[in-house]
């Protein structure tokens, strides 16, 4: 069954912005769990780009997105967000969310394409 559903991707020009959302299924324990956003570009391994603590007070970013991306969460909605600003062509990838430890079944992801 579907456990994580990502949305919000699309085609955007360089310098543009997108906001991704990822919602966990109702049966998933969410609020105490560290969550992350990952991405996988064609021909590359999946990489972790941002993570957020269970309460939302602590975040860590990959160097490649630091200062441009912001991860946040709404535990009441079992949703984690990724605000992406100043997008670059190299940000093009399928974006996924998941637990940092004991990952759930991966969702379908959401495609982000940065191109003029």
PDB file of N, CA and C in Angstrom:
ATOM      1  N   UNK A   1       0.843  -1.181   0.000  1.00  0.00           N
ATOM      2  CA  UNK A   1       0.000   0.000   0.000  1.00  0.00           C
ATOM      3  C   UNK A   1       0.888   1.244   0.000  1.00  0.00           C
ATOM      4  N   UNK A   2       0.314   2.350  -0.476  1.00  0.00           N
ATOM      5  CA  UNK A   2       1.054   3.606  -0.551  1.00  0.00           C
ATOM      6  C   UNK A   2       1.272   4.149   0.840  1.00  0.00           C
ATOM      7  N   UNK A   3       2.512   4.479   1.140  1.00  0.00           N
ATOM      8  CA  UNK A   3       2.841   5.006   2.457  1.00  0.00           C
ATOM      9  C   UNK A   3       3.256   6.474   2.413  1.00  0.00           C
ATOM     10  N   UNK A   4       3.867   6.888   1.313  1.00  0.00           N
ATOM     11  CA  UNK A   4       4.325   8.258   1.162  1.00  0.00           C
ATOM     12  C   UNK A   4       3.902   8.761  -0.213  1.00  0.00           C
ATOM     13  N   UNK A   5       3.371   9.966  -0.268  1.00  0.00           N
ATOM     14  CA  UNK A   5       2.953  10.556  -1.534  1.00  0.00           C
ATOM     15  C   UNK A   5       3.583  11.932  -1.688  1.00  0.00           C
ATOM     16  N   UNK A   6       4.426  12.039  -2.711  1.00  0.00           N
ATOM     17  CA  UNK A   6       5.093  13.311  -2.998  1.00  0.00           C
ATOM     18  C   UNK A   6       4.328  14.066  -4.095  1.00  0.00           C
ATOM     19  N   UNK A   7       4.383  15.389  -4.033  1.00  0.00           N
ATOM     20  CA  UNK A   7       3.729  16.216  -5.045  1.00  0.00           C
ATOM     21  C   UNK A   7       4.400  17.580  -5.098  1.00  0.00           C
ATOM     22  N   UNK A   8       4.045  18.348  -6.132  1.00  0.00           N
ATOM     23  CA  UNK A   8       4.526  19.720  -6.227  1.00  0.00           C
ATOM     24  C   UNK A   8       5.602  19.963  -7.260  1.00  0.00           C
ATOM     25  N   UNK A   9       6.086  18.911  -7.879  1.00  0.00           N
ATOM     26  CA  UNK A   9       7.128  19.079  -8.884  1.00  0.00           C
ATOM     27  C   UNK A   9       6.588  19.710 -10.160  1.00  0.00           C
ATOM     28  N   UNK A  10       7.504  19.954 -11.087  1.00  0.00           N
ATOM     29  CA  UNK A  10       7.114  20.534 -12.351  1.00  0.00           C
ATOM     30  C   UNK A  10       8.302  21.054 -13.127  1.00  0.00           C
ATOM     31  N   UNK A  11       8.000  21.773 -14.185  1.00  0.00           N
ATOM     32  CA  UNK A  11       9.028  22.397 -15.018  1.00  0.00           C
ATOM     33  C   UNK A  11       9.158  23.859 -14.612  1.00  0.00           C
ATOM     34  N   UNK A  12      10.370  24.281 -14.340  1.00  0.00           N
ATOM     35  CA  UNK A  12      10.600  25.650 -13.910  1.00  0.00           C
ATOM     36  C   UNK A  12      11.883  26.161 -14.557  1.00  0.00           C
ATOM     37  N   UNK A  13      11.926  27.453 -14.798  1.00  0.00           N
ATOM     38  CA  UNK A  13      13.125  28.052 -15.377  1.00  0.00           C
ATOM     39  C   UNK A  13      14.204  28.224 -14.318  1.00  0.00           C
ATOM     40  N   UNK A  14      15.456  28.261 -14.734  1.00  0.00           N
ATOM     41  CA  UNK A  14      16.532  28.536 -13.768  1.00  0.00           C
ATOM     42  C   UNK A  14      16.248  29.826 -13.001  1.00  0.00           C
ATOM     43  N   UNK A  15      16.496  29.770 -11.699  1.00  0.00           N
ATOM     44  CA  UNK A  15      16.193  30.900 -10.838  1.00  0.00           C
ATOM     45  C   UNK A  15      14.811  30.867 -10.235  1.00  0.00           C
ATOM     46  N   UNK A  16      13.983  29.955 -10.700  1.00  0.00           N
ATOM     47  CA  UNK A  16      12.619  29.859 -10.205  1.00  0.00           C
ATOM     48  C   UNK A  16      12.509  29.099  -8.895  1.00  0.00           C
ATOM     49  N   UNK A  17      11.270  28.917  -8.451  1.00  0.00           N
ATOM     50  CA  UNK A  17      11.004  28.267  -7.171  1.00  0.00           C
ATOM     51  C   UNK A  17       9.909  27.210  -7.317  1.00  0.00           C
ATOM     52  N   UNK A  18       9.979  26.233  -6.447  1.00  0.00           N
ATOM     53  CA  UNK A  18       8.939  25.219  -6.315  1.00  0.00           C
ATOM     54  C   UNK A  18       8.829  24.854  -4.845  1.00  0.00           C
ATOM     55  N   UNK A  19       7.636  24.388  -4.469  1.00  0.00           N
ATOM     56  CA  UNK A  19       7.433  23.871  -3.124  1.00  0.00           C
ATOM     57  C   UNK A  19       6.895  22.446  -3.237  1.00  0.00           C
ATOM     58  N   UNK A  20       7.675  21.518  -2.719  1.00  0.00           N
ATOM     59  CA  UNK A  20       7.284  20.115  -2.731  1.00  0.00           C
ATOM     60  C   UNK A  20       6.612  19.748  -1.413  1.00  0.00           C
ATOM     61  N   UNK A  21       5.686  18.793  -1.506  1.00  0.00           N
ATOM     62  CA  UNK A  21       5.015  18.269  -0.326  1.00  0.00           C
ATOM     63  C   UNK A  21       5.117  16.755  -0.318  1.00  0.00           C
ATOM     64  N   UNK A  22       5.146  16.187   0.860  1.00  0.00           N
ATOM     65  CA  UNK A  22       5.148  14.738   1.011  1.00  0.00           C
ATOM     66  C   UNK A  22       4.273  14.405   2.205  1.00  0.00           C
ATOM     67  N   UNK A  23       3.235  13.626   1.970  1.00  0.00           N
ATOM     68  CA  UNK A  23       2.285  13.271   3.021  1.00  0.00           C
ATOM     69  C   UNK A  23       2.348  11.783   3.303  1.00  0.00           C
ATOM     70  N   UNK A  24       2.423  11.455   4.571  1.00  0.00           N
ATOM     71  CA  UNK A  24       2.455  10.055   4.994  1.00  0.00           C
ATOM     72  C   UNK A  24       1.037   9.511   5.197  1.00  0.00           C
ATOM     73  N   UNK A  25       0.891   8.233   4.972  1.00  0.00           N
ATOM     74  CA  UNK A  25      -0.400   7.587   5.188  1.00  0.00           C
ATOM     75  C   UNK A  25      -0.792   7.674   6.658  1.00  0.00           C
ATOM     76  N   UNK A  26      -2.072   7.581   6.898  1.00  0.00           N
ATOM     77  CA  UNK A  26      -2.590   7.818   8.248  1.00  0.00           C
ATOM     78  C   UNK A  26      -2.019   6.854   9.278  1.00  0.00           C
ATOM     79  N   UNK A  27      -1.690   5.641   8.866  1.00  0.00           N
ATOM     80  CA  UNK A  27      -1.208   4.656   9.828  1.00  0.00           C
ATOM     81  C   UNK A  27       0.271   4.807  10.159  1.00  0.00           C
ATOM     82  N   UNK A  28       0.944   5.707   9.463  1.00  0.00           N
ATOM     83  CA  UNK A  28       2.379   5.890   9.662  1.00  0.00           C
ATOM     84  C   UNK A  28       2.618   6.770  10.894  1.00  0.00           C
ATOM     85  N   UNK A  29       3.519   6.300  11.767  1.00  0.00           N
ATOM     86  CA  UNK A  29       3.957   7.134  12.890  1.00  0.00           C
ATOM     87  C   UNK A  29       4.863   8.217  12.322  1.00  0.00           C
ATOM     88  N   UNK A  30       4.542   9.473  12.579  1.00  0.00           N
ATOM     89  CA  UNK A  30       5.223  10.564  11.862  1.00  0.00           C
ATOM     90  C   UNK A  30       5.957  11.528  12.779  1.00  0.00           C
ATOM     91  N   UNK A  31       5.299  12.021  13.826  1.00  0.00           N
ATOM     92  CA  UNK A  31       5.835  13.188  14.518  1.00  0.00           C
ATOM     93  C   UNK A  31       7.187  12.980  15.194  1.00  0.00           C
ATOM     94  N   UNK A  32       7.518  11.816  15.753  1.00  0.00           N
ATOM     95  CA  UNK A  32       8.829  11.743  16.380  1.00  0.00           C
ATOM     96  C   UNK A  32       9.950  11.351  15.413  1.00  0.00           C
ATOM     97  N   UNK A  33       9.617  11.191  14.140  1.00  0.00           N
ATOM     98  CA  UNK A  33      10.537  10.582  13.199  1.00  0.00           C
ATOM     99  C   UNK A  33      11.298  11.633  12.391  1.00  0.00           C
ATOM    100  N   UNK A  34      12.632  11.449  12.310  1.00  0.00           N
ATOM    101  CA  UNK A  34      13.431  12.312  11.450  1.00  0.00           C
ATOM    102  C   UNK A  34      13.106  11.980  10.001  1.00  0.00           C
ATOM    103  N   UNK A  35      12.771  13.015   9.232  1.00  0.00           N
ATOM    104  CA  UNK A  35      12.402  12.837   7.826  1.00  0.00           C
ATOM    105  C   UNK A  35      13.419  13.521   6.921  1.00  0.00           C
ATOM    106  N   UNK A  36      13.514  13.012   5.710  1.00  0.00           N
ATOM    107  CA  UNK A  36      14.444  13.595   4.754  1.00  0.00           C
ATOM    108  C   UNK A  36      13.835  13.713   3.370  1.00  0.00           C
ATOM    109  N   UNK A  37      14.368  14.651   2.617  1.00  0.00           N
ATOM    110  CA  UNK A  37      14.087  14.745   1.194  1.00  0.00           C
ATOM    111  C   UNK A  37      15.324  14.246   0.440  1.00  0.00           C
ATOM    112  N   UNK A  38      15.070  13.395  -0.525  1.00  0.00           N
ATOM    113  CA  UNK A  38      16.111  12.823  -1.355  1.00  0.00           C
ATOM    114  C   UNK A  38      15.831  13.207  -2.810  1.00  0.00           C
ATOM    115  N   UNK A  39      16.854  13.042  -3.640  1.00  0.00           N
ATOM    116  CA  UNK A  39      16.623  13.215  -5.069  1.00  0.00           C
ATOM    117  C   UNK A  39      17.498  12.237  -5.851  1.00  0.00           C
ATOM    118  N   UNK A  40      17.017  11.907  -7.028  1.00  0.00           N
ATOM    119  CA  UNK A  40      17.772  11.011  -7.900  1.00  0.00           C
ATOM    120  C   UNK A  40      17.702  11.547  -9.316  1.00  0.00           C
ATOM    121  N   UNK A  41      18.865  11.931  -9.824  1.00  0.00           N
ATOM    122  CA  UNK A  41      18.968  12.399 -11.196  1.00  0.00           C
ATOM    123  C   UNK A  41      19.242  11.207 -12.106  1.00  0.00           C
ATOM    124  N   UNK A  42      18.942  11.331 -13.391  1.00  0.00           N
ATOM    125  CA  UNK A  42      19.172  10.222 -14.323  1.00  0.00           C
ATOM    126  C   UNK A  42      20.626   9.755 -14.282  1.00  0.00           C
ATOM    127  N   UNK A  43      20.802   8.459 -14.135  1.00  0.00           N
ATOM    128  CA  UNK A  43      22.133   7.885 -14.140  1.00  0.00           C
ATOM    129  C   UNK A  43      22.927   8.078 -12.863  1.00  0.00           C
ATOM    130  N   UNK A  44      22.292   8.649 -11.838  1.00  0.00           N
ATOM    131  CA  UNK A  44      22.991   8.904 -10.575  1.00  0.00           C
ATOM    132  C   UNK A  44      22.299   8.187  -9.427  1.00  0.00           C
ATOM    133  N   UNK A  45      23.024   8.040  -8.342  1.00  0.00           N
ATOM    134  CA  UNK A  45      22.446   7.429  -7.144  1.00  0.00           C
ATOM    135  C   UNK A  45      21.548   8.428  -6.428  1.00  0.00           C
ATOM    136  N   UNK A  46      20.616   7.899  -5.682  1.00  0.00           N
ATOM    137  CA  UNK A  46      19.762   8.741  -4.864  1.00  0.00           C
ATOM    138  C   UNK A  46      20.600   9.410  -3.783  1.00  0.00           C
ATOM    139  N   UNK A  47      20.373  10.690  -3.562  1.00  0.00           N
ATOM    140  CA  UNK A  47      21.136  11.425  -2.556  1.00  0.00           C
ATOM    141  C   UNK A  47      20.193  12.160  -1.612  1.00  0.00           C
ATOM    142  N   UNK A  48      20.645  12.295  -0.377  1.00  0.00           N
ATOM    143  CA  UNK A  48      19.890  13.026   0.636  1.00  0.00           C
ATOM    144  C   UNK A  48      20.205  14.519   0.495  1.00  0.00           C
ATOM    145  N   UNK A  49      19.182  15.341   0.370  1.00  0.00           N
ATOM    146  CA  UNK A  49      19.436  16.775   0.221  1.00  0.00           C
ATOM    147  C   UNK A  49      19.066  17.579   1.465  1.00  0.00           C
ATOM    148  N   UNK A  50      18.149  17.059   2.280  1.00  0.00           N
ATOM    149  CA  UNK A  50      17.764  17.804   3.481  1.00  0.00           C
ATOM    150  C   UNK A  50      17.107  16.846   4.467  1.00  0.00           C
ATOM    151  N   UNK A  51      17.274  17.137   5.748  1.00  0.00           N
ATOM    152  CA  UNK A  51      16.630  16.335   6.778  1.00  0.00           C
ATOM    153  C   UNK A  51      16.133  17.250   7.877  1.00  0.00           C
ATOM    154  N   UNK A  52      15.120  16.771   8.602  1.00  0.00           N
ATOM    155  CA  UNK A  52      14.508  17.587   9.642  1.00  0.00           C
ATOM    156  C   UNK A  52      14.167  16.708  10.825  1.00  0.00           C
ATOM    157  N   UNK A  53      14.397  17.212  12.017  1.00  0.00           N
ATOM    158  CA  UNK A  53      14.122  16.465  13.234  1.00  0.00           C
ATOM    159  C   UNK A  53      12.614  16.286  13.430  1.00  0.00           C
ATOM    160  N   UNK A  54      12.269  15.418  14.378  1.00  0.00           N
ATOM    161  CA  UNK A  54      10.859  15.112  14.604  1.00  0.00           C
ATOM    162  C   UNK A  54      10.026  16.325  14.960  1.00  0.00           C
ATOM    163  N   UNK A  55      10.606  17.215  15.757  1.00  0.00           N
ATOM    164  CA  UNK A  55       9.883  18.412  16.162  1.00  0.00           C
ATOM    165  C   UNK A  55      10.036  19.575  15.210  1.00  0.00           C
ATOM    166  N   UNK A  56      10.924  19.424  14.226  1.00  0.00           N
ATOM    167  CA  UNK A  56      11.131  20.470  13.236  1.00  0.00           C
ATOM    168  C   UNK A  56      12.159  21.520  13.600  1.00  0.00           C
ATOM    169  N   UNK A  57      12.762  21.390  14.783  1.00  0.00           N
ATOM    170  CA  UNK A  57      13.662  22.433  15.221  1.00  0.00           C
ATOM    171  C   UNK A  57      15.084  22.318  14.704  1.00  0.00           C
ATOM    172  N   UNK A  58      15.424  21.200  14.115  1.00  0.00           N
ATOM    173  CA  UNK A  58      16.786  20.988  13.631  1.00  0.00           C
ATOM    174  C   UNK A  58      16.746  20.514  12.189  1.00  0.00           C
ATOM    175  N   UNK A  59      17.538  21.178  11.352  1.00  0.00           N
ATOM    176  CA  UNK A  59      17.590  20.816   9.932  1.00  0.00           C
ATOM    177  C   UNK A  59      19.044  20.729   9.484  1.00  0.00           C
ATOM    178  N   UNK A  60      19.275  19.892   8.495  1.00  0.00           N
ATOM    179  CA  UNK A  60      20.596  19.741   7.899  1.00  0.00           C
ATOM    180  C   UNK A  60      20.423  19.666   6.396  1.00  0.00           C
ATOM    181  N   UNK A  61      21.342  20.310   5.671  1.00  0.00           N
ATOM    182  CA  UNK A  61      21.245  20.373   4.216  1.00  0.00           C
ATOM    183  C   UNK A  61      22.547  19.906   3.564  1.00  0.00           C
ATOM    184  N   UNK A  62      22.395  19.337   2.393  1.00  0.00           N
ATOM    185  CA  UNK A  62      23.561  19.057   1.574  1.00  0.00           C
ATOM    186  C   UNK A  62      24.171  20.380   1.124  1.00  0.00           C
ATOM    187  N   UNK A  63      25.471  20.395   0.939  1.00  0.00           N
ATOM    188  CA  UNK A  63      26.139  21.633   0.535  1.00  0.00           C
ATOM    189  C   UNK A  63      25.574  22.182  -0.767  1.00  0.00           C
ATOM    190  N   UNK A  64      25.156  21.286  -1.641  1.00  0.00           N
ATOM    191  CA  UNK A  64      24.687  21.701  -2.961  1.00  0.00           C
ATOM    192  C   UNK A  64      23.383  22.504  -2.921  1.00  0.00           C
ATOM    193  N   UNK A  65      22.632  22.408  -1.817  1.00  0.00           N
ATOM    194  CA  UNK A  65      21.343  23.106  -1.743  1.00  0.00           C
ATOM    195  C   UNK A  65      21.291  24.099  -0.586  1.00  0.00           C
ATOM    196  N   UNK A  66      22.318  24.150   0.212  1.00  0.00           N
ATOM    197  CA  UNK A  66      22.328  25.021   1.383  1.00  0.00           C
ATOM    198  C   UNK A  66      22.124  26.471   0.978  1.00  0.00           C
ATOM    199  N   UNK A  67      21.226  27.151   1.666  1.00  0.00           N
ATOM    200  CA  UNK A  67      20.939  28.536   1.358  1.00  0.00           C
ATOM    201  C   UNK A  67      19.874  28.728   0.300  1.00  0.00           C
ATOM    202  N   UNK A  68      19.500  27.651  -0.387  1.00  0.00           N
ATOM    203  CA  UNK A  68      18.480  27.742  -1.425  1.00  0.00           C
ATOM    204  C   UNK A  68      17.223  26.929  -1.086  1.00  0.00           C
ATOM    205  N   UNK A  69      17.394  25.825  -0.401  1.00  0.00           N
ATOM    206  CA  UNK A  69      16.275  24.949  -0.053  1.00  0.00           C
ATOM    207  C   UNK A  69      15.973  25.075   1.448  1.00  0.00           C
ATOM    208  N   UNK A  70      14.687  24.919   1.776  1.00  0.00           N
ATOM    209  CA  UNK A  70      14.268  24.919   3.164  1.00  0.00           C
ATOM    210  C   UNK A  70      13.298  23.775   3.397  1.00  0.00           C
ATOM    211  N   UNK A  71      13.631  22.919   4.366  1.00  0.00           N
ATOM    212  CA  UNK A  71      12.761  21.813   4.724  1.00  0.00           C
ATOM    213  C   UNK A  71      11.950  22.202   5.949  1.00  0.00           C
ATOM    214  N   UNK A  72      10.688  21.802   5.959  1.00  0.00           N
ATOM    215  CA  UNK A  72       9.819  22.063   7.105  1.00  0.00           C
ATOM    216  C   UNK A  72       8.808  20.937   7.214  1.00  0.00           C
ATOM    217  N   UNK A  73       8.045  20.932   8.292  1.00  0.00           N
ATOM    218  CA  UNK A  73       7.061  19.864   8.469  1.00  0.00           C
ATOM    219  C   UNK A  73       5.869  20.366   9.255  1.00  0.00           C
ATOM    220  N   UNK A  74       4.749  19.702   9.038  1.00  0.00           N
ATOM    221  CA  UNK A  74       3.516  19.939   9.791  1.00  0.00           C
ATOM    222  C   UNK A  74       3.080  18.581  10.309  1.00  0.00           C
ATOM    223  N   UNK A  75       3.376  18.304  11.563  1.00  0.00           N
ATOM    224  CA  UNK A  75       3.109  16.970  12.101  1.00  0.00           C
ATOM    225  C   UNK A  75       1.615  16.676  12.180  1.00  0.00           C
ATOM    226  N   UNK A  76       0.807  17.692  12.376  1.00  0.00           N
ATOM    227  CA  UNK A  76      -0.638  17.477  12.426  1.00  0.00           C
ATOM    228  C   UNK A  76      -1.167  16.961  11.088  1.00  0.00           C
ATOM    229  N   UNK A  77      -0.509  17.364  10.012  1.00  0.00           N
ATOM    230  CA  UNK A  77      -0.910  16.929   8.671  1.00  0.00           C
ATOM    231  C   UNK A  77      -0.058  15.780   8.159  1.00  0.00           C
ATOM    232  N   UNK A  78       0.889  15.347   8.969  1.00  0.00           N
ATOM    233  CA  UNK A  78       1.814  14.272   8.567  1.00  0.00           C
ATOM    234  C   UNK A  78       2.452  14.607   7.221  1.00  0.00           C
ATOM    235  N   UNK A  79       2.894  15.829   7.094  1.00  0.00           N
ATOM    236  CA  UNK A  79       3.431  16.313   5.831  1.00  0.00           C
ATOM    237  C   UNK A  79       4.772  16.996   6.052  1.00  0.00           C
ATOM    238  N   UNK A  80       5.696  16.733   5.147  1.00  0.00           N
ATOM    239  CA  UNK A  80       6.985  17.416   5.130  1.00  0.00           C
ATOM    240  C   UNK A  80       7.087  18.172   3.810  1.00  0.00           C
ATOM    241  N   UNK A  81       7.680  19.358   3.870  1.00  0.00           N
ATOM    242  CA  UNK A  81       7.762  20.243   2.723  1.00  0.00           C
ATOM    243  C   UNK A  81       9.222  20.503   2.348  1.00  0.00           C
ATOM    244  N   UNK A  82       9.415  20.868   1.092  1.00  0.00           N
ATOM    245  CA  UNK A  82      10.729  21.328   0.648  1.00  0.00           C
ATOM    246  C   UNK A  82      10.513  22.555  -0.230  1.00  0.00           C
ATOM    247  N   UNK A  83      10.854  23.714   0.302  1.00  0.00           N
ATOM    248  CA  UNK A  83      10.802  24.945  -0.469  1.00  0.00           C
ATOM    249  C   UNK A  83      12.127  25.081  -1.206  1.00  0.00           C
ATOM    250  N   UNK A  84      12.052  25.169  -2.510  1.00  0.00           N
ATOM    251  CA  UNK A  84      13.249  25.226  -3.339  1.00  0.00           C
ATOM    252  C   UNK A  84      13.271  26.551  -4.084  1.00  0.00           C
ATOM    253  N   UNK A  85      14.279  27.346  -3.802  1.00  0.00           N
ATOM    254  CA  UNK A  85      14.438  28.651  -4.450  1.00  0.00           C
ATOM    255  C   UNK A  85      15.721  28.677  -5.273  1.00  0.00           C
ATOM    256  N   UNK A  86      15.811  29.640  -6.146  1.00  0.00           N
ATOM    257  CA  UNK A  86      16.998  29.827  -6.986  1.00  0.00           C
ATOM    258  C   UNK A  86      17.407  28.497  -7.623  1.00  0.00           C
ATOM    259  N   UNK A  87      16.453  27.855  -8.235  1.00  0.00           N
ATOM    260  CA  UNK A  87      16.702  26.533  -8.800  1.00  0.00           C
ATOM    261  C   UNK A  87      17.691  26.599  -9.955  1.00  0.00           C
ATOM    262  N   UNK A  88      18.487  25.536 -10.061  1.00  0.00           N
ATOM    263  CA  UNK A  88      19.516  25.413 -11.090  1.00  0.00           C
ATOM    264  C   UNK A  88      19.239  24.171 -11.943  1.00  0.00           C
ATOM    265  N   UNK A  89      19.749  24.133 -13.148  1.00  0.00           N
ATOM    266  CA  UNK A  89      19.551  22.930 -13.972  1.00  0.00           C
ATOM    267  C   UNK A  89      20.020  21.657 -13.287  1.00  0.00           C
ATOM    268  N   UNK A  90      21.059  21.754 -12.481  1.00  0.00           N
ATOM    269  CA  UNK A  90      21.563  20.561 -11.794  1.00  0.00           C
ATOM    270  C   UNK A  90      20.660  20.084 -10.659  1.00  0.00           C
ATOM    271  N   UNK A  91      19.605  20.821 -10.373  1.00  0.00           N
ATOM    272  CA  UNK A  91      18.613  20.358  -9.404  1.00  0.00           C
ATOM    273  C   UNK A  91      17.590  19.428 -10.051  1.00  0.00           C
ATOM    274  N   UNK A  92      17.659  19.289 -11.347  1.00  0.00           N
ATOM    275  CA  UNK A  92      16.731  18.412 -12.053  1.00  0.00           C
ATOM    276  C   UNK A  92      16.875  16.975 -11.568  1.00  0.00           C
ATOM    277  N   UNK A  93      15.765  16.402 -11.119  1.00  0.00           N
ATOM    278  CA  UNK A  93      15.784  15.055 -10.547  1.00  0.00           C
ATOM    279  C   UNK A  93      14.362  14.676 -10.155  1.00  0.00           C
ATOM    280  N   UNK A  94      14.203  13.409  -9.787  1.00  0.00           N
ATOM    281  CA  UNK A  94      12.977  12.981  -9.111  1.00  0.00           C
ATOM    282  C   UNK A  94      13.228  13.110  -7.616  1.00  0.00           C
ATOM    283  N   UNK A  95      12.319  13.772  -6.937  1.00  0.00           N
ATOM    284  CA  UNK A  95      12.462  14.033  -5.507  1.00  0.00           C
ATOM    285  C   UNK A  95      11.547  13.113  -4.703  1.00  0.00           C
ATOM    286  N   UNK A  96      12.107  12.566  -3.628  1.00  0.00           N
ATOM    287  CA  UNK A  96      11.404  11.640  -2.752  1.00  0.00           C
ATOM    288  C   UNK A  96      11.564  12.084  -1.306  1.00  0.00           C
ATOM    289  N   UNK A  97      10.628  11.686  -0.476  1.00  0.00           N
ATOM    290  CA  UNK A  97      10.829  11.846   0.959  1.00  0.00           C
ATOM    291  C   UNK A  97      10.820  10.461   1.592  1.00  0.00           C
ATOM    292  N   UNK A  98      11.414  10.368   2.777  1.00  0.00           N
ATOM    293  CA  UNK A  98      11.383   9.125   3.517  1.00  0.00           C
ATOM    294  C   UNK A  98      11.960   9.351   4.907  1.00  0.00           C
ATOM    295  N   UNK A  99      11.773   8.369   5.750  1.00  0.00           N
ATOM    296  CA  UNK A  99      12.389   8.397   7.061  1.00  0.00           C
ATOM    297  C   UNK A  99      13.894   8.220   6.889  1.00  0.00           C
ATOM    298  N   UNK A 100      14.660   8.857   7.744  1.00  0.00           N
ATOM    299  CA  UNK A 100      16.111   8.716   7.666  1.00  0.00           C
ATOM    300  C   UNK A 100      16.531   7.320   8.110  1.00  0.00           C
ATOM    301  N   UNK A 101      15.919   6.805   9.169  1.00  0.00           N
ATOM    302  CA  UNK A 101      16.192   5.444   9.607  1.00  0.00           C
ATOM    303  C   UNK A 101      14.935   4.609   9.427  1.00  0.00           C
ATOM    304  N   UNK A 102      15.113   3.334   9.235  1.00  0.00           N
ATOM    305  CA  UNK A 102      14.002   2.420   8.969  1.00  0.00           C
ATOM    306  C   UNK A 102      13.087   2.973   7.879  1.00  0.00           C
ATOM    307  N   UNK A 103      13.647   3.209   6.694  1.00  0.00           N
ATOM    308  CA  UNK A 103      12.844   3.825   5.635  1.00  0.00           C
ATOM    309  C   UNK A 103      11.624   2.993   5.280  1.00  0.00           C
ATOM    310  N   UNK A 104      10.586   3.730   4.903  1.00  0.00           N
ATOM    311  CA  UNK A 104       9.361   3.117   4.428  1.00  0.00           C
ATOM    312  C   UNK A 104       9.513   2.740   2.954  1.00  0.00           C
ATOM    313  N   UNK A 105       8.486   2.130   2.409  1.00  0.00           N
ATOM    314  CA  UNK A 105       8.470   1.859   0.970  1.00  0.00           C
ATOM    315  C   UNK A 105       8.530   3.201   0.239  1.00  0.00           C
ATOM    316  N   UNK A 106       9.400   3.301  -0.764  1.00  0.00           N
ATOM    317  CA  UNK A 106       9.557   4.567  -1.467  1.00  0.00           C
ATOM    318  C   UNK A 106       8.297   4.896  -2.262  1.00  0.00           C
ATOM    319  N   UNK A 107       7.931   6.174  -2.256  1.00  0.00           N
ATOM    320  CA  UNK A 107       6.816   6.633  -3.050  1.00  0.00           C
ATOM    321  C   UNK A 107       7.201   6.773  -4.508  1.00  0.00           C
ATOM    322  N   UNK A 108       6.292   7.345  -5.267  1.00  0.00           N
ATOM    323  CA  UNK A 108       6.547   7.487  -6.708  1.00  0.00           C
ATOM    324  C   UNK A 108       7.450   8.673  -7.009  1.00  0.00           C
ATOM    325  N   UNK A 109       7.622   9.531  -6.037  1.00  0.00           N
ATOM    326  CA  UNK A 109       8.458  10.714  -6.246  1.00  0.00           C
ATOM    327  C   UNK A 109       7.727  11.772  -7.057  1.00  0.00           C
ATOM    328  N   UNK A 110       8.370  12.933  -7.152  1.00  0.00           N
ATOM    329  CA  UNK A 110       7.825  14.011  -7.964  1.00  0.00           C
ATOM    330  C   UNK A 110       8.951  14.601  -8.806  1.00  0.00           C
ATOM    331  N   UNK A 111       8.698  14.730 -10.096  1.00  0.00           N
ATOM    332  CA  UNK A 111       9.737  15.158 -11.031  1.00  0.00           C
ATOM    333  C   UNK A 111       9.911  16.671 -10.970  1.00  0.00           C
ATOM    334  N   UNK A 112      11.152  17.092 -10.820  1.00  0.00           N
ATOM    335  CA  UNK A 112      11.507  18.502 -10.898  1.00  0.00           C
ATOM    336  C   UNK A 112      12.450  18.678 -12.077  1.00  0.00           C
ATOM    337  N   UNK A 113      12.079  19.540 -12.997  1.00  0.00           N
ATOM    338  CA  UNK A 113      12.904  19.813 -14.160  1.00  0.00           C
ATOM    339  C   UNK A 113      13.179  21.303 -14.222  1.00  0.00           C
ATOM    340  N   UNK A 114      14.453  21.650 -14.218  1.00  0.00           N
ATOM    341  CA  UNK A 114      14.863  23.050 -14.271  1.00  0.00           C
ATOM    342  C   UNK A 114      15.524  23.277 -15.619  1.00  0.00           C
ATOM    343  N   UNK A 115      14.851  24.036 -16.444  1.00  0.00           N
ATOM    344  CA  UNK A 115      15.334  24.229 -17.803  1.00  0.00           C
ATOM    345  C   UNK A 115      14.714  25.490 -18.392  1.00  0.00           C
ATOM    346  N   UNK A 116      15.499  26.138 -19.261  1.00  0.00           N
ATOM    347  CA  UNK A 116      14.974  27.309 -19.958  1.00  0.00           C
ATOM    348  C   UNK A 116      14.397  26.899 -21.308  1.00  0.00           C
TER     349      UNK A 116
END
